[in-house]
Amino acid sequence: MNVQVQDWVKVGTLADIPRRGARCVRNGEMTIAIFRTANDKVFALEDKCPHRQGPLSQGIVHDGCVTCPLHNWVISLETGEAQGADEGSTATFPVKLDGDAVLLAIGIR
């Protein structure tokens, strides 16, 4: 039996992330970008564009997406999928607010 358990880790507060911006956290070798939309929703993606591994955390957040700063690929914050004619995806992670605290779920087996 393979059971996935979520371990929620506080990674900061909502005020730590600028509106329509991102902040990064490390999980082992991986960098995870925590995004905040204009209406204070939070999303977490691996900080790597599926096209050329550009830093999504440095992109522009708009309309539930982030635009990669390298080649303008648009990635859905909700699904991690490339939009339009582009193909590919980046890993997503569960994230939630508990009051003002930003909690990131890291899976444990």
C-alpha atoms as a PDB file:
ATOM      1  CA  MET A   1       0.000   0.000   0.000  1.00  0.00           C
ATOM      2  CA  ASN A   2       1.321   3.402  -0.975  1.00  0.00           C
ATOM      3  CA  VAL A   3       0.045   6.240   1.208  1.00  0.00           C
ATOM      4  CA  GLN A   4       0.797   9.911   0.569  1.00  0.00           C
ATOM      5  CA  VAL A   5       0.638  12.135   3.646  1.00  0.00           C
ATOM      6  CA  GLN A   6       0.776  15.932   3.449  1.00  0.00           C
ATOM      7  CA  ASP A   7       3.087  17.701   5.850  1.00  0.00           C
ATOM      8  CA  TRP A   8       2.074  21.383   5.945  1.00  0.00           C
ATOM      9  CA  VAL A   9       5.055  23.662   6.531  1.00  0.00           C
ATOM     10  CA  LYS A  10       4.832  27.394   7.247  1.00  0.00           C
ATOM     11  CA  VAL A  11       6.965  29.171   4.631  1.00  0.00           C
ATOM     12  CA  GLY A  12       6.123  32.779   5.531  1.00  0.00           C
ATOM     13  CA  THR A  13       3.229  35.185   5.638  1.00  0.00           C
ATOM     14  CA  LEU A  14       1.049  36.637   2.908  1.00  0.00           C
ATOM     15  CA  ALA A  15       2.732  40.012   3.487  1.00  0.00           C
ATOM     16  CA  ASP A  16       6.092  38.421   2.552  1.00  0.00           C
ATOM     17  CA  ILE A  17       4.878  37.936  -1.029  1.00  0.00           C
ATOM     18  CA  PRO A  18       4.192  41.057  -3.109  1.00  0.00           C
ATOM     19  CA  ARG A  19       0.845  41.195  -4.903  1.00  0.00           C
ATOM     20  CA  ARG A  20       1.298  39.838  -8.426  1.00  0.00           C
ATOM     21  CA  GLY A  21       4.727  38.555  -7.413  1.00  0.00           C
ATOM     22  CA  ALA A  22       6.512  35.577  -5.900  1.00  0.00           C
ATOM     23  CA  ARG A  23       8.948  34.422  -3.249  1.00  0.00           C
ATOM     24  CA  CYS A  24      11.009  31.233  -3.359  1.00  0.00           C
ATOM     25  CA  VAL A  25      11.649  28.449  -0.871  1.00  0.00           C
ATOM     26  CA  ARG A  26      14.008  25.489  -1.154  1.00  0.00           C
ATOM     27  CA  ASN A  27      12.949  21.870  -0.773  1.00  0.00           C
ATOM     28  CA  GLY A  28      16.116  19.814  -1.046  1.00  0.00           C
ATOM     29  CA  GLU A  29      17.522  20.411  -4.527  1.00  0.00           C
ATOM     30  CA  MET A  30      14.281  21.984  -5.780  1.00  0.00           C
ATOM     31  CA  THR A  31      13.247  25.629  -5.674  1.00  0.00           C
ATOM     32  CA  ILE A  32       9.521  26.235  -5.245  1.00  0.00           C
ATOM     33  CA  ALA A  33       7.998  29.606  -6.120  1.00  0.00           C
ATOM     34  CA  ILE A  34       5.031  30.778  -4.044  1.00  0.00           C
ATOM     35  CA  PHE A  35       2.902  33.202  -6.085  1.00  0.00           C
ATOM     36  CA  ARG A  36       0.356  35.772  -4.893  1.00  0.00           C
ATOM     37  CA  THR A  37      -2.299  37.086  -7.261  1.00  0.00           C
ATOM     38  CA  ALA A  38      -3.842  40.565  -7.255  1.00  0.00           C
ATOM     39  CA  ASN A  39      -6.766  39.198  -5.204  1.00  0.00           C
ATOM     40  CA  ASP A  40      -4.495  37.428  -2.653  1.00  0.00           C
ATOM     41  CA  LYS A  41      -4.820  33.838  -3.875  1.00  0.00           C
ATOM     42  CA  VAL A  42      -1.642  31.811  -3.433  1.00  0.00           C
ATOM     43  CA  PHE A  43      -0.197  29.116  -5.690  1.00  0.00           C
ATOM     44  CA  ALA A  44       3.017  27.090  -5.647  1.00  0.00           C
ATOM     45  CA  LEU A  45       4.986  25.881  -8.676  1.00  0.00           C
ATOM     46  CA  GLU A  46       8.452  24.516  -9.187  1.00  0.00           C
ATOM     47  CA  ASP A  47      10.499  27.581 -10.136  1.00  0.00           C
ATOM     48  CA  LYS A  48      11.288  26.177 -13.565  1.00  0.00           C
ATOM     49  CA  CYS A  49       9.571  26.930 -16.873  1.00  0.00           C
ATOM     50  CA  PRO A  50       8.942  23.748 -18.898  1.00  0.00           C
ATOM     51  CA  HIS A  51      10.461  25.410 -21.980  1.00  0.00           C
ATOM     52  CA  ARG A  52      14.028  26.339 -21.015  1.00  0.00           C
ATOM     53  CA  GLN A  53      13.868  26.104 -17.208  1.00  0.00           C
ATOM     54  CA  GLY A  54      13.557  29.888 -16.798  1.00  0.00           C
ATOM     55  CA  PRO A  55      12.883  31.231 -13.279  1.00  0.00           C
ATOM     56  CA  LEU A  56       9.090  31.602 -13.148  1.00  0.00           C
ATOM     57  CA  SER A  57       9.418  33.504  -9.860  1.00  0.00           C
ATOM     58  CA  GLN A  58      10.866  36.412 -11.863  1.00  0.00           C
ATOM     59  CA  GLY A  59       7.945  36.440 -14.298  1.00  0.00           C
ATOM     60  CA  ILE A  60       4.835  38.585 -14.481  1.00  0.00           C
ATOM     61  CA  VAL A  61       1.756  37.317 -12.600  1.00  0.00           C
ATOM     62  CA  HIS A  62      -1.547  38.046 -14.381  1.00  0.00           C
ATOM     63  CA  ASP A  63      -5.005  36.522 -14.832  1.00  0.00           C
ATOM     64  CA  GLY A  64      -4.211  33.315 -12.893  1.00  0.00           C
ATOM     65  CA  CYS A  65      -0.987  32.777 -14.844  1.00  0.00           C
ATOM     66  CA  VAL A  66       2.695  33.676 -14.789  1.00  0.00           C
ATOM     67  CA  THR A  67       4.658  34.682 -17.882  1.00  0.00           C
ATOM     68  CA  CYS A  68       8.205  33.332 -17.988  1.00  0.00           C
ATOM     69  CA  PRO A  69      10.778  36.141 -18.176  1.00  0.00           C
ATOM     70  CA  LEU A  70      12.959  34.307 -20.721  1.00  0.00           C
ATOM     71  CA  HIS A  71      10.700  33.491 -23.671  1.00  0.00           C
ATOM     72  CA  ASN A  72       7.216  34.688 -22.634  1.00  0.00           C
ATOM     73  CA  TRP A  73       5.658  31.283 -22.126  1.00  0.00           C
ATOM     74  CA  VAL A  74       2.443  31.624 -20.108  1.00  0.00           C
ATOM     75  CA  ILE A  75       1.975  29.025 -17.344  1.00  0.00           C
ATOM     76  CA  SER A  76      -1.264  28.444 -15.391  1.00  0.00           C
ATOM     77  CA  LEU A  77      -0.714  28.975 -11.666  1.00  0.00           C
ATOM     78  CA  GLU A  78      -3.458  26.459 -10.885  1.00  0.00           C
ATOM     79  CA  THR A  79      -2.393  23.558 -13.119  1.00  0.00           C
ATOM     80  CA  GLY A  80       1.229  24.311 -14.071  1.00  0.00           C
ATOM     81  CA  GLU A  81       0.267  23.766 -17.737  1.00  0.00           C
ATOM     82  CA  ALA A  82       1.612  25.924 -20.561  1.00  0.00           C
ATOM     83  CA  GLN A  83      -1.123  27.988 -22.210  1.00  0.00           C
ATOM     84  CA  GLY A  84      -1.902  28.677 -25.867  1.00  0.00           C
ATOM     85  CA  ALA A  85       0.092  26.807 -28.506  1.00  0.00           C
ATOM     86  CA  ASP A  86       2.946  26.000 -26.094  1.00  0.00           C
ATOM     87  CA  GLU A  87       3.138  22.513 -24.593  1.00  0.00           C
ATOM     88  CA  GLY A  88       4.557  21.317 -21.299  1.00  0.00           C
ATOM     89  CA  SER A  89       3.995  21.730 -17.593  1.00  0.00           C
ATOM     90  CA  THR A  90       5.772  22.418 -14.352  1.00  0.00           C
ATOM     91  CA  ALA A  91       5.125  20.741 -11.015  1.00  0.00           C
ATOM     92  CA  THR A  92       2.468  22.238  -8.733  1.00  0.00           C
ATOM     93  CA  PHE A  93       2.300  21.987  -4.942  1.00  0.00           C
ATOM     94  CA  PRO A  94      -0.604  22.366  -2.519  1.00  0.00           C
ATOM     95  CA  VAL A  95      -0.460  25.703  -0.724  1.00  0.00           C
ATOM     96  CA  LYS A  96      -2.972  27.405   1.553  1.00  0.00           C
ATOM     97  CA  LEU A  97      -3.453  30.313   3.907  1.00  0.00           C
ATOM     98  CA  ASP A  98      -4.055  29.810   7.620  1.00  0.00           C
ATOM     99  CA  GLY A  99      -4.911  33.330   8.681  1.00  0.00           C
ATOM    100  CA  ASP A 100      -1.907  35.274   7.353  1.00  0.00           C
ATOM    101  CA  ALA A 101       0.446  32.244   7.378  1.00  0.00           C
ATOM    102  CA  VAL A 102       1.358  30.655   4.041  1.00  0.00           C
ATOM    103  CA  LEU A 103       1.517  26.861   4.340  1.00  0.00           C
ATOM    104  CA  LEU A 104       3.113  24.619   1.728  1.00  0.00           C
ATOM    105  CA  ALA A 105       2.358  20.883   1.568  1.00  0.00           C
ATOM    106  CA  ILE A 106       5.329  18.635   1.117  1.00  0.00           C
ATOM    107  CA  GLY A 107       4.464  14.991   0.527  1.00  0.00           C
ATOM    108  CA  ILE A 108       5.928  12.236   2.684  1.00  0.00           C
ATOM    109  CA  ARG A 109       5.794   8.524   1.818  1.00  0.00           C
END
